[in-house]
PDB file of N, CA and C in Angstrom:
ATOM      1  N   MET A   1      13.264  26.499  -7.038  1.00  0.00           N
ATOM      2  CA  MET A   1      12.790  27.046  -5.464  1.00  0.00           C
ATOM      3  C   MET A   1      12.009  25.839  -4.913  1.00  0.00           C
ATOM      4  N   ALA A   2      12.240  25.246  -4.021  1.00  0.00           N
ATOM      5  CA  ALA A   2      11.707  24.184  -3.202  1.00  0.00           C
ATOM      6  C   ALA A   2      10.183  24.532  -2.911  1.00  0.00           C
ATOM      7  N   SER A   3       9.662  23.623  -2.946  1.00  0.00           N
ATOM      8  CA  SER A   3       8.153  23.896  -2.196  1.00  0.00           C
ATOM      9  C   SER A   3       8.176  23.865  -0.624  1.00  0.00           C
ATOM     10  N   SER A   4       7.288  24.510   0.061  1.00  0.00           N
ATOM     11  CA  SER A   4       7.373  24.343   1.418  1.00  0.00           C
ATOM     12  C   SER A   4       6.240  23.373   2.144  1.00  0.00           C
ATOM     13  N   LYS A   5       6.848  22.913   3.121  1.00  0.00           N
ATOM     14  CA  LYS A   5       6.005  21.745   4.026  1.00  0.00           C
ATOM     15  C   LYS A   5       4.351  22.112   4.481  1.00  0.00           C
ATOM     16  N   SER A   6       4.648  23.259   4.603  1.00  0.00           N
ATOM     17  CA  SER A   6       3.548  23.910   4.815  1.00  0.00           C
ATOM     18  C   SER A   6       2.389  23.580   3.920  1.00  0.00           C
ATOM     19  N   TYR A   7       2.603  23.795   2.720  1.00  0.00           N
ATOM     20  CA  TYR A   7       1.741  23.573   1.420  1.00  0.00           C
ATOM     21  C   TYR A   7       1.282  22.029   1.113  1.00  0.00           C
ATOM     22  N   LEU A   8       2.602  21.244   1.265  1.00  0.00           N
ATOM     23  CA  LEU A   8       2.455  19.718   1.466  1.00  0.00           C
ATOM     24  C   LEU A   8       1.579  19.314   2.246  1.00  0.00           C
ATOM     25  N   GLU A   9       1.537  20.113   3.663  1.00  0.00           N
ATOM     26  CA  GLU A   9       0.640  19.383   4.921  1.00  0.00           C
ATOM     27  C   GLU A   9      -0.941  20.104   4.280  1.00  0.00           C
ATOM     28  N   TYR A  10      -1.128  20.923   3.377  1.00  0.00           N
ATOM     29  CA  TYR A  10      -2.146  21.355   3.427  1.00  0.00           C
ATOM     30  C   TYR A  10      -2.784  20.490   2.330  1.00  0.00           C
ATOM     31  N   ILE A  11      -1.992  20.347   1.333  1.00  0.00           N
ATOM     32  CA  ILE A  11      -2.779  19.520   0.192  1.00  0.00           C
ATOM     33  C   ILE A  11      -3.164  18.145   0.968  1.00  0.00           C
ATOM     34  N   LEU A  12      -2.297  17.148   1.522  1.00  0.00           N
ATOM     35  CA  LEU A  12      -2.681  15.995   2.276  1.00  0.00           C
ATOM     36  C   LEU A  12      -3.764  16.288   3.287  1.00  0.00           C
ATOM     37  N   GLU A  13      -3.944  17.336   3.895  1.00  0.00           N
ATOM     38  CA  GLU A  13      -5.465  17.502   4.606  1.00  0.00           C
ATOM     39  C   GLU A  13      -6.470  17.629   3.690  1.00  0.00           C
ATOM     40  N   GLN A  14      -6.143  17.967   2.489  1.00  0.00           N
ATOM     41  CA  GLN A  14      -7.390  18.135   1.428  1.00  0.00           C
ATOM     42  C   GLN A  14      -7.710  16.324   0.799  1.00  0.00           C
ATOM     43  N   LEU A  15      -6.918  15.504   1.335  1.00  0.00           N
ATOM     44  CA  LEU A  15      -6.711  14.592   0.378  1.00  0.00           C
ATOM     45  C   LEU A  15      -6.906  13.643   1.626  1.00  0.00           C
ATOM     46  N   SER A  16      -7.445  13.658   2.909  1.00  0.00           N
ATOM     47  CA  SER A  16      -7.084  13.057   4.231  1.00  0.00           C
ATOM     48  C   SER A  16      -8.494  12.236   3.949  1.00  0.00           C
ATOM     49  N   ALA A  17      -9.365  12.494   3.299  1.00  0.00           N
ATOM     50  CA  ALA A  17     -10.386  11.415   3.342  1.00  0.00           C
ATOM     51  C   ALA A  17     -10.157  10.041   2.495  1.00  0.00           C
ATOM     52  N   LEU A  18      -9.342  10.280   1.420  1.00  0.00           N
ATOM     53  CA  LEU A  18      -8.733   8.972   1.035  1.00  0.00           C
ATOM     54  C   LEU A  18      -8.010   8.129   1.632  1.00  0.00           C
ATOM     55  N   ASP A  19      -7.704   6.818   1.440  1.00  0.00           N
ATOM     56  CA  ASP A  19      -7.197   5.338   2.566  1.00  0.00           C
ATOM     57  C   ASP A  19      -5.719   5.728   1.367  1.00  0.00           C
ATOM     58  N   ASP A  20      -4.926   5.794   2.235  1.00  0.00           N
ATOM     59  CA  ASP A  20      -3.438   5.069   1.768  1.00  0.00           C
ATOM     60  C   ASP A  20      -2.779   6.275   0.633  1.00  0.00           C
ATOM     61  N   ILE A  21      -2.798   7.667   1.209  1.00  0.00           N
ATOM     62  CA  ILE A  21      -2.068   8.715   0.660  1.00  0.00           C
ATOM     63  C   ILE A  21      -1.163   8.798   1.279  1.00  0.00           C
ATOM     64  N   SER A  22       0.265   8.829   0.602  1.00  0.00           N
ATOM     65  CA  SER A  22       1.745   9.081   0.996  1.00  0.00           C
ATOM     66  C   SER A  22       2.469   9.863   0.236  1.00  0.00           C
ATOM     67  N   PHE A  23       3.687  10.430   0.545  1.00  0.00           N
ATOM     68  CA  PHE A  23       4.408  11.037   0.008  1.00  0.00           C
ATOM     69  C   PHE A  23       5.863  11.082   0.144  1.00  0.00           C
ATOM     70  N   LYS A  24       6.731  11.303  -0.817  1.00  0.00           N
ATOM     71  CA  LYS A  24       8.371  11.313  -0.564  1.00  0.00           C
ATOM     72  C   LYS A  24       8.518  12.543  -1.041  1.00  0.00           C
ATOM     73  N   ALA A  25       9.860  12.932  -0.268  1.00  0.00           N
ATOM     74  CA  ALA A  25      10.438  14.223  -0.383  1.00  0.00           C
ATOM     75  C   ALA A  25      11.418  13.835  -1.569  1.00  0.00           C
ATOM     76  N   MET A  26      11.694  14.571  -2.777  1.00  0.00           N
ATOM     77  CA  MET A  26      12.625  14.421  -3.705  1.00  0.00           C
ATOM     78  C   MET A  26      13.204  15.639  -4.230  1.00  0.00           C
ATOM     79  N   MET A  27      14.375  15.927  -3.267  1.00  0.00           N
ATOM     80  CA  MET A  27      14.890  17.282  -4.180  1.00  0.00           C
ATOM     81  C   MET A  27      14.599  18.433  -3.738  1.00  0.00           C
ATOM     82  N   GLY A  28      13.719  18.706  -2.597  1.00  0.00           N
ATOM     83  CA  GLY A  28      13.235  20.154  -2.171  1.00  0.00           C
ATOM     84  C   GLY A  28      11.442  20.007  -3.060  1.00  0.00           C
ATOM     85  N   GLU A  29      11.391  19.063  -3.449  1.00  0.00           N
ATOM     86  CA  GLU A  29       9.778  18.976  -3.500  1.00  0.00           C
ATOM     87  C   GLU A  29       9.018  17.429  -3.158  1.00  0.00           C
ATOM     88  N   TYR A  30       7.758  17.146  -3.488  1.00  0.00           N
ATOM     89  CA  TYR A  30       6.989  15.959  -3.104  1.00  0.00           C
ATOM     90  C   TYR A  30       6.291  15.297  -4.184  1.00  0.00           C
ATOM     91  N   ILE A  31       6.443  13.841  -4.140  1.00  0.00           N
ATOM     92  CA  ILE A  31       6.147  12.837  -4.955  1.00  0.00           C
ATOM     93  C   ILE A  31       4.955  12.630  -4.057  1.00  0.00           C
ATOM     94  N   ILE A  32       3.523  12.688  -4.621  1.00  0.00           N
ATOM     95  CA  ILE A  32       1.925  12.155  -3.964  1.00  0.00           C
ATOM     96  C   ILE A  32       1.818  11.040  -4.301  1.00  0.00           C
ATOM     97  N   TYR A  33       1.822   9.810  -3.421  1.00  0.00           N
ATOM     98  CA  TYR A  33       1.081   8.749  -3.798  1.00  0.00           C
ATOM     99  C   TYR A  33      -0.082   8.302  -3.413  1.00  0.00           C
ATOM    100  N   TYR A  34      -1.042   7.462  -4.414  1.00  0.00           N
ATOM    101  CA  TYR A  34      -2.230   6.921  -4.297  1.00  0.00           C
ATOM    102  C   TYR A  34      -2.304   5.628  -4.137  1.00  0.00           C
ATOM    103  N   ARG A  35      -2.245   4.849  -3.210  1.00  0.00           N
ATOM    104  CA  ARG A  35      -2.490   3.549  -2.911  1.00  0.00           C
ATOM    105  C   ARG A  35      -1.367   2.701  -3.810  1.00  0.00           C
ATOM    106  N   GLY A  36      -0.287   3.280  -3.836  1.00  0.00           N
ATOM    107  CA  GLY A  36       1.113   2.982  -4.153  1.00  0.00           C
ATOM    108  C   GLY A  36       1.650   3.121  -5.578  1.00  0.00           C
ATOM    109  N   LYS A  37       0.593   4.325  -5.991  1.00  0.00           N
ATOM    110  CA  LYS A  37       0.800   4.638  -7.272  1.00  0.00           C
ATOM    111  C   LYS A  37       1.158   5.948  -7.290  1.00  0.00           C
ATOM    112  N   ILE A  38       2.062   6.327  -8.234  1.00  0.00           N
ATOM    113  CA  ILE A  38       2.477   8.153  -8.272  1.00  0.00           C
ATOM    114  C   ILE A  38       0.940   8.367  -8.898  1.00  0.00           C
ATOM    115  N   ALA A  39       0.750   9.720  -8.258  1.00  0.00           N
ATOM    116  CA  ALA A  39      -0.831  10.163  -8.963  1.00  0.00           C
ATOM    117  C   ALA A  39      -0.193  11.851  -9.459  1.00  0.00           C
ATOM    118  N   GLY A  40       0.577  12.223  -8.566  1.00  0.00           N
ATOM    119  CA  GLY A  40       0.888  13.999  -8.962  1.00  0.00           C
ATOM    120  C   GLY A  40       2.340  14.109  -7.852  1.00  0.00           C
ATOM    121  N   GLY A  41       2.416  15.620  -7.475  1.00  0.00           N
ATOM    122  CA  GLY A  41       3.461  16.002  -6.472  1.00  0.00           C
ATOM    123  C   GLY A  41       3.187  17.737  -6.587  1.00  0.00           C
ATOM    124  N   ILE A  42       4.032  17.912  -5.237  1.00  0.00           N
ATOM    125  CA  ILE A  42       3.897  19.317  -5.295  1.00  0.00           C
ATOM    126  C   ILE A  42       5.336  19.500  -5.779  1.00  0.00           C
ATOM    127  N   TYR A  43       5.237  20.555  -6.927  1.00  0.00           N
ATOM    128  CA  TYR A  43       6.455  21.376  -7.298  1.00  0.00           C
ATOM    129  C   TYR A  43       6.421  23.011  -7.680  1.00  0.00           C
ATOM    130  N   ASP A  44       7.470  23.318  -6.570  1.00  0.00           N
ATOM    131  CA  ASP A  44       7.775  24.722  -6.427  1.00  0.00           C
ATOM    132  C   ASP A  44       5.924  25.436  -5.887  1.00  0.00           C
ATOM    133  N   ASP A  45       5.780  24.741  -5.151  1.00  0.00           N
ATOM    134  CA  ASP A  45       3.987  25.262  -4.553  1.00  0.00           C
ATOM    135  C   ASP A  45       3.024  25.343  -5.553  1.00  0.00           C
ATOM    136  N   ARG A  46       3.246  24.215  -6.386  1.00  0.00           N
ATOM    137  CA  ARG A  46       2.064  24.138  -7.239  1.00  0.00           C
ATOM    138  C   ARG A  46       1.639  22.533  -7.230  1.00  0.00           C
ATOM    139  N   PHE A  47       0.159  22.337  -6.962  1.00  0.00           N
ATOM    140  CA  PHE A  47      -0.237  20.796  -7.106  1.00  0.00           C
ATOM    141  C   PHE A  47      -0.438  20.316  -8.329  1.00  0.00           C
ATOM    142  N   LEU A  48       0.480  19.491  -9.078  1.00  0.00           N
ATOM    143  CA  LEU A  48       0.278  18.869  -9.981  1.00  0.00           C
ATOM    144  C   LEU A  48       0.000  17.435 -10.155  1.00  0.00           C
ATOM    145  N   VAL A  49      -0.967  17.012 -11.196  1.00  0.00           N
ATOM    146  CA  VAL A  49      -1.251  15.744 -11.219  1.00  0.00           C
ATOM    147  C   VAL A  49      -1.104  14.940 -12.415  1.00  0.00           C
ATOM    148  N   LYS A  50      -1.130  13.675 -12.689  1.00  0.00           N
ATOM    149  CA  LYS A  50      -0.485  13.219 -13.949  1.00  0.00           C
ATOM    150  C   LYS A  50      -1.866  13.221 -15.032  1.00  0.00           C
ATOM    151  N   ARG A  51      -0.938  13.201 -15.891  1.00  0.00           N
ATOM    152  CA  ARG A  51      -2.281  13.318 -17.194  1.00  0.00           C
ATOM    153  C   ARG A  51      -2.770  12.230 -17.762  1.00  0.00           C
ATOM    154  N   THR A  52      -4.150  11.993 -17.354  1.00  0.00           N
ATOM    155  CA  THR A  52      -4.575  10.616 -17.509  1.00  0.00           C
ATOM    156  C   THR A  52      -6.416  11.114 -18.270  1.00  0.00           C
ATOM    157  N   GLU A  53      -6.823   9.805 -18.628  1.00  0.00           N
ATOM    158  CA  GLU A  53      -8.253  10.366 -19.219  1.00  0.00           C
ATOM    159  C   GLU A  53      -9.090  11.228 -18.521  1.00  0.00           C
ATOM    160  N   ALA A  54      -9.242  10.435 -16.978  1.00  0.00           N
ATOM    161  CA  ALA A  54      -9.978  10.927 -15.922  1.00  0.00           C
ATOM    162  C   ALA A  54      -9.664  12.301 -15.793  1.00  0.00           C
ATOM    163  N   SER A  55      -8.524  12.425 -15.434  1.00  0.00           N
ATOM    164  CA  SER A  55      -7.953  14.405 -14.857  1.00  0.00           C
ATOM    165  C   SER A  55      -8.014  14.988 -15.855  1.00  0.00           C
ATOM    166  N   GLU A  56      -8.068  14.443 -17.205  1.00  0.00           N
ATOM    167  CA  GLU A  56      -7.899  15.608 -18.624  1.00  0.00           C
ATOM    168  C   GLU A  56      -9.741  15.922 -18.869  1.00  0.00           C
ATOM    169  N   ARG A  57     -10.746  14.709 -18.634  1.00  0.00           N
ATOM    170  CA  ARG A  57     -11.721  14.722 -18.390  1.00  0.00           C
ATOM    171  C   ARG A  57     -12.632  15.540 -17.251  1.00  0.00           C
ATOM    172  N   LEU A  58     -11.965  15.678 -16.227  1.00  0.00           N
ATOM    173  CA  LEU A  58     -12.459  16.257 -15.118  1.00  0.00           C
ATOM    174  C   LEU A  58     -12.242  17.899 -14.957  1.00  0.00           C
ATOM    175  N   MET A  59     -10.753  18.024 -15.890  1.00  0.00           N
ATOM    176  CA  MET A  59     -10.254  19.360 -15.550  1.00  0.00           C
ATOM    177  C   MET A  59      -9.683  19.802 -16.884  1.00  0.00           C
ATOM    178  N   PRO A  60     -11.182  19.791 -17.860  1.00  0.00           N
ATOM    179  CA  PRO A  60     -10.512  19.690 -19.226  1.00  0.00           C
ATOM    180  C   PRO A  60      -9.552  21.453 -19.408  1.00  0.00           C
ATOM    181  N   ASP A  61     -10.035  22.572 -18.503  1.00  0.00           N
ATOM    182  CA  ASP A  61      -9.243  23.519 -18.945  1.00  0.00           C
ATOM    183  C   ASP A  61      -7.967  23.868 -18.100  1.00  0.00           C
ATOM    184  N   ALA A  62      -7.540  22.652 -17.793  1.00  0.00           N
ATOM    185  CA  ALA A  62      -6.373  22.751 -16.591  1.00  0.00           C
ATOM    186  C   ALA A  62      -5.052  23.311 -17.457  1.00  0.00           C
ATOM    187  N   PRO A  63      -4.483  24.167 -16.862  1.00  0.00           N
ATOM    188  CA  PRO A  63      -3.146  24.551 -17.654  1.00  0.00           C
ATOM    189  C   PRO A  63      -2.137  23.152 -17.256  1.00  0.00           C
ATOM    190  N   ARG A  64      -0.885  23.108 -18.358  1.00  0.00           N
ATOM    191  CA  ARG A  64      -0.652  22.031 -18.523  1.00  0.00           C
ATOM    192  C   ARG A  64       0.847  22.460 -18.058  1.00  0.00           C
ATOM    193  N   GLU A  65       1.960  22.265 -17.290  1.00  0.00           N
ATOM    194  CA  GLU A  65       2.744  22.478 -16.401  1.00  0.00           C
ATOM    195  C   GLU A  65       4.174  21.756 -16.197  1.00  0.00           C
ATOM    196  N   LEU A  66       5.308  21.940 -16.852  1.00  0.00           N
ATOM    197  CA  LEU A  66       6.020  20.956 -16.830  1.00  0.00           C
ATOM    198  C   LEU A  66       6.762  21.130 -14.682  1.00  0.00           C
ATOM    199  N   PRO A  67       6.832  20.043 -14.231  1.00  0.00           N
ATOM    200  CA  PRO A  67       7.174  20.190 -12.719  1.00  0.00           C
ATOM    201  C   PRO A  67       8.532  20.433 -12.881  1.00  0.00           C
ATOM    202  N   TYR A  68       9.337  19.806 -13.968  1.00  0.00           N
ATOM    203  CA  TYR A  68      10.922  20.116 -14.036  1.00  0.00           C
ATOM    204  C   TYR A  68      11.134  20.066 -15.134  1.00  0.00           C
ATOM    205  N   ASP A  69      12.448  20.886 -15.409  1.00  0.00           N
ATOM    206  CA  ASP A  69      13.245  20.640 -17.018  1.00  0.00           C
ATOM    207  C   ASP A  69      12.789  19.190 -17.221  1.00  0.00           C
ATOM    208  N   GLY A  70      12.793  18.789 -18.682  1.00  0.00           N
ATOM    209  CA  GLY A  70      12.725  17.491 -18.887  1.00  0.00           C
ATOM    210  C   GLY A  70      11.853  16.537 -18.731  1.00  0.00           C
ATOM    211  N   ALA A  71      10.878  16.895 -17.789  1.00  0.00           N
ATOM    212  CA  ALA A  71       9.846  16.178 -17.536  1.00  0.00           C
ATOM    213  C   ALA A  71       8.218  16.200 -18.061  1.00  0.00           C
ATOM    214  N   LYS A  72       7.442  15.122 -18.321  1.00  0.00           N
ATOM    215  CA  LYS A  72       6.439  15.085 -18.920  1.00  0.00           C
ATOM    216  C   LYS A  72       5.615  16.260 -18.386  1.00  0.00           C
ATOM    217  N   GLU A  73       4.472  17.132 -19.110  1.00  0.00           N
ATOM    218  CA  GLU A  73       3.736  17.727 -18.734  1.00  0.00           C
ATOM    219  C   GLU A  73       2.677  16.994 -17.759  1.00  0.00           C
ATOM    220  N   MET A  74       2.722  17.721 -16.957  1.00  0.00           N
ATOM    221  CA  MET A  74       1.098  17.923 -15.995  1.00  0.00           C
ATOM    222  C   MET A  74       0.224  18.697 -15.925  1.00  0.00           C
ATOM    223  N   LEU A  75      -0.769  18.506 -15.074  1.00  0.00           N
ATOM    224  CA  LEU A  75      -2.114  19.442 -15.051  1.00  0.00           C
ATOM    225  C   LEU A  75      -1.942  20.227 -13.886  1.00  0.00           C
ATOM    226  N   LEU A  76      -2.021  21.016 -13.952  1.00  0.00           N
ATOM    227  CA  LEU A  76      -2.163  22.099 -12.825  1.00  0.00           C
ATOM    228  C   LEU A  76      -3.644  22.190 -12.063  1.00  0.00           C
ATOM    229  N   VAL A  77      -3.383  21.445 -10.534  1.00  0.00           N
ATOM    230  CA  VAL A  77      -5.013  21.624 -10.117  1.00  0.00           C
ATOM    231  C   VAL A  77      -5.179  23.012  -9.243  1.00  0.00           C
ATOM    232  N   GLU A  78      -5.918  23.728  -9.968  1.00  0.00           N
ATOM    233  CA  GLU A  78      -6.291  24.789  -9.506  1.00  0.00           C
ATOM    234  C   GLU A  78      -7.280  24.881  -8.391  1.00  0.00           C
ATOM    235  N   GLU A  79      -8.421  24.223  -8.113  1.00  0.00           N
ATOM    236  CA  GLU A  79      -9.141  23.935  -7.173  1.00  0.00           C
ATOM    237  C   GLU A  79      -8.909  22.818  -5.698  1.00  0.00           C
ATOM    238  N   THR A  80      -7.662  23.609  -5.295  1.00  0.00           N
ATOM    239  CA  THR A  80      -7.548  22.972  -4.130  1.00  0.00           C
ATOM    240  C   THR A  80      -8.205  23.170  -3.199  1.00  0.00           C
ATOM    241  N   ASP A  81      -8.906  24.124  -3.039  1.00  0.00           N
ATOM    242  CA  ASP A  81      -9.932  24.124  -1.924  1.00  0.00           C
ATOM    243  C   ASP A  81     -11.128  23.152  -1.830  1.00  0.00           C
ATOM    244  N   ASP A  82     -11.149  22.594  -2.630  1.00  0.00           N
ATOM    245  CA  ASP A  82     -12.374  21.262  -2.807  1.00  0.00           C
ATOM    246  C   ASP A  82     -11.937  20.260  -2.563  1.00  0.00           C
ATOM    247  N   ARG A  83     -12.232  19.385  -1.405  1.00  0.00           N
ATOM    248  CA  ARG A  83     -11.598  18.504  -0.842  1.00  0.00           C
ATOM    249  C   ARG A  83     -12.470  17.070  -1.576  1.00  0.00           C
ATOM    250  N   GLU A  84     -13.637  17.403  -1.910  1.00  0.00           N
ATOM    251  CA  GLU A  84     -14.545  16.302  -2.427  1.00  0.00           C
ATOM    252  C   GLU A  84     -14.426  16.420  -4.101  1.00  0.00           C
ATOM    253  N   PHE A  85     -14.014  16.966  -4.564  1.00  0.00           N
ATOM    254  CA  PHE A  85     -13.182  17.163  -5.987  1.00  0.00           C
ATOM    255  C   PHE A  85     -12.054  16.594  -6.355  1.00  0.00           C
ATOM    256  N   LEU A  86     -11.231  16.966  -4.946  1.00  0.00           N
ATOM    257  CA  LEU A  86      -9.652  16.227  -5.161  1.00  0.00           C
ATOM    258  C   LEU A  86      -9.864  15.156  -5.274  1.00  0.00           C
ATOM    259  N   CYS A  87     -10.316  14.339  -4.065  1.00  0.00           N
ATOM    260  CA  CYS A  87     -10.579  13.061  -3.629  1.00  0.00           C
ATOM    261  C   CYS A  87     -11.462  12.106  -4.859  1.00  0.00           C
ATOM    262  N   SER A  88     -12.596  13.030  -5.594  1.00  0.00           N
ATOM    263  CA  SER A  88     -12.964  12.133  -6.524  1.00  0.00           C
ATOM    264  C   SER A  88     -11.991  11.820  -7.991  1.00  0.00           C
ATOM    265  N   LEU A  89     -11.059  13.147  -8.319  1.00  0.00           N
ATOM    266  CA  LEU A  89     -10.071  12.987  -9.507  1.00  0.00           C
ATOM    267  C   LEU A  89      -9.205  12.027  -8.987  1.00  0.00           C
ATOM    268  N   PHE A  90      -8.591  11.538  -7.721  1.00  0.00           N
ATOM    269  CA  PHE A  90      -7.362  10.804  -7.544  1.00  0.00           C
ATOM    270  C   PHE A  90      -8.384   9.368  -7.614  1.00  0.00           C
ATOM    271  N   GLU A  91      -9.621   9.304  -7.208  1.00  0.00           N
ATOM    272  CA  GLU A  91     -10.385   7.710  -6.995  1.00  0.00           C
ATOM    273  C   GLU A  91     -10.534   7.669  -8.880  1.00  0.00           C
ATOM    274  N   ALA A  92     -10.790   8.702  -9.327  1.00  0.00           N
ATOM    275  CA  ALA A  92     -11.177   8.395 -10.881  1.00  0.00           C
ATOM    276  C   ALA A  92      -9.823   8.389 -11.593  1.00  0.00           C
ATOM    277  N   MET A  93      -8.793   8.761 -11.183  1.00  0.00           N
ATOM    278  CA  MET A  93      -7.761   8.421 -11.958  1.00  0.00           C
ATOM    279  C   MET A  93      -7.143   7.327 -11.531  1.00  0.00           C
ATOM    280  N   TYR A  94      -7.001   6.456 -10.650  1.00  0.00           N
ATOM    281  CA  TYR A  94      -6.146   5.180 -10.123  1.00  0.00           C
ATOM    282  C   TYR A  94      -6.082   4.223 -10.739  1.00  0.00           C
ATOM    283  N   GLU A  95      -7.132   3.946 -11.528  1.00  0.00           N
ATOM    284  CA  GLU A  95      -6.760   2.579 -12.623  1.00  0.00           C
ATOM    285  C   GLU A  95      -5.853   2.803 -13.660  1.00  0.00           C
ATOM    286  N   GLU A  96      -6.128   4.303 -14.155  1.00  0.00           N
ATOM    287  CA  GLU A  96      -5.524   4.913 -15.282  1.00  0.00           C
ATOM    288  C   GLU A  96      -3.955   5.116 -15.391  1.00  0.00           C
ATOM    289  N   LEU A  97      -3.333   5.123 -13.971  1.00  0.00           N
ATOM    290  CA  LEU A  97      -2.031   5.374 -13.123  1.00  0.00           C
ATOM    291  C   LEU A  97      -1.182   4.543 -13.048  1.00  0.00           C
ATOM    292  N   PRO A  98       0.121   4.197 -13.746  1.00  0.00           N
ATOM    293  CA  PRO A  98       0.851   3.153 -14.192  1.00  0.00           C
ATOM    294  C   PRO A  98       1.428   2.385 -12.749  1.00  0.00           C
ATOM    295  N   SER A  99       1.288   1.254 -12.795  1.00  0.00           N
ATOM    296  CA  SER A  99       1.765   0.286 -11.451  1.00  0.00           C
ATOM    297  C   SER A  99       3.290   0.696 -11.282  1.00  0.00           C
ATOM    298  N   PRO A 100       3.501   0.727 -10.254  1.00  0.00           N
ATOM    299  CA  PRO A 100       5.214   0.967  -9.852  1.00  0.00           C
ATOM    300  C   PRO A 100       5.894  -0.201 -10.539  1.00  0.00           C
ATOM    301  N   ARG A 101       7.017   0.218 -10.587  1.00  0.00           N
ATOM    302  CA  ARG A 101       8.170  -0.387 -11.496  1.00  0.00           C
ATOM    303  C   ARG A 101       8.670  -1.258  -9.993  1.00  0.00           C
ATOM    304  N   LYS A 102       9.140  -2.646 -10.877  1.00  0.00           N
ATOM    305  CA  LYS A 102       9.630  -3.185 -10.093  1.00  0.00           C
ATOM    306  C   LYS A 102      11.176  -3.112 -10.034  1.00  0.00           C
ATOM    307  N   ARG A 103      11.513  -3.037  -8.482  1.00  0.00           N
ATOM    308  CA  ARG A 103      12.766  -2.436  -8.393  1.00  0.00           C
ATOM    309  C   ARG A 103      13.879  -4.254  -8.477  1.00  0.00           C
ATOM    310  N   LYS A 104      15.075  -3.391  -8.939  1.00  0.00           N
ATOM    311  CA  LYS A 104      15.911  -5.037  -9.441  1.00  0.00           C
ATOM    312  C   LYS A 104      16.966  -4.980  -8.350  1.00  0.00           C
TER     313      LYS A 104
END
């Protein structure tokens, strides 16, 4: 099931207080970038973020879910209505996110 554009727009609006939020559409889903690093994505209309020390600490009870078969587990963000929390989550995760790979 592909994710809806309206859910993506909702999540982007919730993150709008942050500088440099972007996304890339990929096979009906959306990858979310924060300051050039992949922080999470929208998969089957679920907002998932990468597992980092910060995301695990801020969401200790978050369900671990697979964005798609064969992928690494991510954390389901259930507090999508809390803009302040979402922004603080991304800011806390940023330093722990892997840098983008260099293209050959």
